[in-house]
Amino acid sequence: MRHQGAPTDSTANAQYYADVLGLGLALGGNGAVTQVAAGGGCWTTDAGAERCEAISLDQAFQADGLAMVFDAGDRPDLASICQVGRLADITSIEVPQD
């Protein structure tokens, strides 16, 4: 799920999407997907010590506890009824191979 022309380096990739999509701060890293009951069911990711609400998490990755490596852009221009963390537009996601 990578945009054609996007860099392969994780940090550069996140910044690329932040610039292309007009997003705020680039987020991402190693984390896990968590489903929370707030607002009728929302998906979150943890980016280090910060919890983010994944507003564009592909259905294929909506599995509670799924370990992943992701890039995302902060979306301060949006609001959510869940209010469980910063809104993050997922731009790239991979499931690590064990």
C-alpha atoms as a PDB file:
ATOM      1  CA  MET A   1       0.000   0.000   0.000  1.00  0.00           C
ATOM      2  CA  ARG A   2       2.668   2.506  -0.997  1.00  0.00           C
ATOM      3  CA  HIS A   3       2.075   5.524  -3.242  1.00  0.00           C
ATOM      4  CA  GLN A   4       4.106   5.435  -6.457  1.00  0.00           C
ATOM      5  CA  GLY A   5       7.177   7.605  -5.993  1.00  0.00           C
ATOM      6  CA  ALA A   6       7.098   7.481  -2.192  1.00  0.00           C
ATOM      7  CA  PRO A   7      10.493   6.919  -0.552  1.00  0.00           C
ATOM      8  CA  THR A   8      11.122   3.550   1.096  1.00  0.00           C
ATOM      9  CA  ASP A   9      12.823   4.971   4.216  1.00  0.00           C
ATOM     10  CA  SER A  10      10.181   5.052   6.984  1.00  0.00           C
ATOM     11  CA  THR A  11      10.867   8.604   8.199  1.00  0.00           C
ATOM     12  CA  ALA A  12      11.178  10.062   4.704  1.00  0.00           C
ATOM     13  CA  ASN A  13       8.034   8.160   3.664  1.00  0.00           C
ATOM     14  CA  ALA A  14       5.976   9.624   6.503  1.00  0.00           C
ATOM     15  CA  GLN A  15       7.169  13.142   5.681  1.00  0.00           C
ATOM     16  CA  TYR A  16       6.464  12.587   1.970  1.00  0.00           C
ATOM     17  CA  TYR A  17       2.835  11.743   2.708  1.00  0.00           C
ATOM     18  CA  ALA A  18       2.536  14.605   5.172  1.00  0.00           C
ATOM     19  CA  ASP A  19       3.682  16.979   2.425  1.00  0.00           C
ATOM     20  CA  VAL A  20       1.692  15.412  -0.445  1.00  0.00           C
ATOM     21  CA  LEU A  21      -1.554  15.103   1.473  1.00  0.00           C
ATOM     22  CA  GLY A  22      -1.209  18.387   3.314  1.00  0.00           C
ATOM     23  CA  LEU A  23      -1.186  16.620   6.646  1.00  0.00           C
ATOM     24  CA  GLY A  24       0.279  17.850   9.883  1.00  0.00           C
ATOM     25  CA  LEU A  25       3.101  16.234  11.821  1.00  0.00           C
ATOM     26  CA  ALA A  26       4.336  12.881  10.527  1.00  0.00           C
ATOM     27  CA  LEU A  27       3.713   9.998  12.938  1.00  0.00           C
ATOM     28  CA  GLY A  28       4.541   6.331  12.879  1.00  0.00           C
ATOM     29  CA  GLY A  29       6.816   3.560  13.999  1.00  0.00           C
ATOM     30  CA  ASN A  30       6.349   0.130  15.512  1.00  0.00           C
ATOM     31  CA  GLY A  31       3.037  -0.318  17.241  1.00  0.00           C
ATOM     32  CA  ALA A  32      -0.110  -2.343  17.632  1.00  0.00           C
ATOM     33  CA  VAL A  33      -3.714  -1.960  16.567  1.00  0.00           C
ATOM     34  CA  THR A  34      -6.292  -1.780  19.361  1.00  0.00           C
ATOM     35  CA  GLN A  35     -10.060  -1.582  19.137  1.00  0.00           C
ATOM     36  CA  VAL A  36     -11.749   0.592  21.736  1.00  0.00           C
ATOM     37  CA  ALA A  37     -15.475   0.751  22.455  1.00  0.00           C
ATOM     38  CA  ALA A  38     -15.664   4.567  22.592  1.00  0.00           C
ATOM     39  CA  GLY A  39     -17.963   6.139  20.035  1.00  0.00           C
ATOM     40  CA  GLY A  40     -19.287   2.806  18.791  1.00  0.00           C
ATOM     41  CA  GLY A  41     -15.900   1.233  18.128  1.00  0.00           C
ATOM     42  CA  CYS A  42     -12.729   2.979  17.032  1.00  0.00           C
ATOM     43  CA  TRP A  43      -9.316   1.700  16.020  1.00  0.00           C
ATOM     44  CA  THR A  44      -6.189   3.079  17.658  1.00  0.00           C
ATOM     45  CA  THR A  45      -2.475   2.677  17.182  1.00  0.00           C
ATOM     46  CA  ASP A  46       0.295   3.448  19.584  1.00  0.00           C
ATOM     47  CA  ALA A  47       3.190   5.491  18.262  1.00  0.00           C
ATOM     48  CA  GLY A  48       5.727   5.091  21.034  1.00  0.00           C
ATOM     49  CA  ALA A  49       4.070   6.517  24.131  1.00  0.00           C
ATOM     50  CA  GLU A  50       1.331   8.267  22.146  1.00  0.00           C
ATOM     51  CA  ARG A  51      -2.056   6.794  21.270  1.00  0.00           C
ATOM     52  CA  CYS A  52      -3.532   7.787  17.918  1.00  0.00           C
ATOM     53  CA  GLU A  53      -6.951   7.122  16.449  1.00  0.00           C
ATOM     54  CA  ALA A  54      -6.414   5.462  13.078  1.00  0.00           C
ATOM     55  CA  ILE A  55      -9.038   7.155  10.905  1.00  0.00           C
ATOM     56  CA  SER A  56      -8.053   5.402   7.672  1.00  0.00           C
ATOM     57  CA  LEU A  57      -7.083   1.924   8.848  1.00  0.00           C
ATOM     58  CA  ASP A  58      -7.736  -0.540   6.046  1.00  0.00           C
ATOM     59  CA  GLN A  59     -10.204  -3.262   7.018  1.00  0.00           C
ATOM     60  CA  ALA A  60      -7.539  -5.919   6.354  1.00  0.00           C
ATOM     61  CA  PHE A  61      -5.578  -4.551   9.337  1.00  0.00           C
ATOM     62  CA  GLN A  62      -8.500  -4.131  11.744  1.00  0.00           C
ATOM     63  CA  ALA A  63      -7.479  -6.898  14.144  1.00  0.00           C
ATOM     64  CA  ASP A  64      -7.189  -6.156  17.859  1.00  0.00           C
ATOM     65  CA  GLY A  65      -3.591  -6.633  19.029  1.00  0.00           C
ATOM     66  CA  LEU A  66      -2.086  -6.798  15.510  1.00  0.00           C
ATOM     67  CA  ALA A  67       1.593  -5.789  15.580  1.00  0.00           C
ATOM     68  CA  MET A  68       2.532  -3.420  12.750  1.00  0.00           C
ATOM     69  CA  VAL A  69       4.973  -0.871  11.407  1.00  0.00           C
ATOM     70  CA  PHE A  70       3.193   2.209  10.105  1.00  0.00           C
ATOM     71  CA  ASP A  71       3.504   5.742   8.846  1.00  0.00           C
ATOM     72  CA  ALA A  72       0.761   8.289   9.368  1.00  0.00           C
ATOM     73  CA  GLY A  73       0.030  11.961   9.206  1.00  0.00           C
ATOM     74  CA  ASP A  74      -1.505  13.946  12.039  1.00  0.00           C
ATOM     75  CA  ARG A  75      -4.953  15.320  11.121  1.00  0.00           C
ATOM     76  CA  PRO A  76      -5.580  18.335  13.373  1.00  0.00           C
ATOM     77  CA  ASP A  77      -8.175  19.560  10.855  1.00  0.00           C
ATOM     78  CA  LEU A  78     -10.582  16.714  11.734  1.00  0.00           C
ATOM     79  CA  ALA A  79     -12.612  15.725  14.787  1.00  0.00           C
ATOM     80  CA  SER A  80     -13.956  12.394  16.021  1.00  0.00           C
ATOM     81  CA  ILE A  81     -16.688  11.245  18.385  1.00  0.00           C
ATOM     82  CA  CYS A  82     -14.265   8.674  19.829  1.00  0.00           C
ATOM     83  CA  GLN A  83     -11.808  11.242  21.248  1.00  0.00           C
ATOM     84  CA  VAL A  84      -9.262   8.568  22.181  1.00  0.00           C
ATOM     85  CA  GLY A  85      -6.110  10.232  20.829  1.00  0.00           C
ATOM     86  CA  ARG A  86      -4.683  12.298  18.000  1.00  0.00           C
ATOM     87  CA  LEU A  87      -6.311  11.558  14.669  1.00  0.00           C
ATOM     88  CA  ALA A  88      -3.880   9.781  12.373  1.00  0.00           C
ATOM     89  CA  ASP A  89      -4.331   9.187   8.657  1.00  0.00           C
ATOM     90  CA  ILE A  90      -2.520   5.888   8.001  1.00  0.00           C
ATOM     91  CA  THR A  91      -0.412   6.250   4.844  1.00  0.00           C
ATOM     92  CA  SER A  92       1.644   3.044   4.977  1.00  0.00           C
ATOM     93  CA  ILE A  93       1.336  -0.122   7.026  1.00  0.00           C
ATOM     94  CA  GLU A  94       3.178  -3.432   7.176  1.00  0.00           C
ATOM     95  CA  VAL A  95       2.847  -6.460   9.423  1.00  0.00           C
ATOM     96  CA  PRO A  96       6.307  -7.624  10.594  1.00  0.00           C
ATOM     97  CA  GLN A  97       7.243 -11.172   9.666  1.00  0.00           C
ATOM     98  CA  ASP A  98       8.239 -13.253  12.685  1.00  0.00           C
END
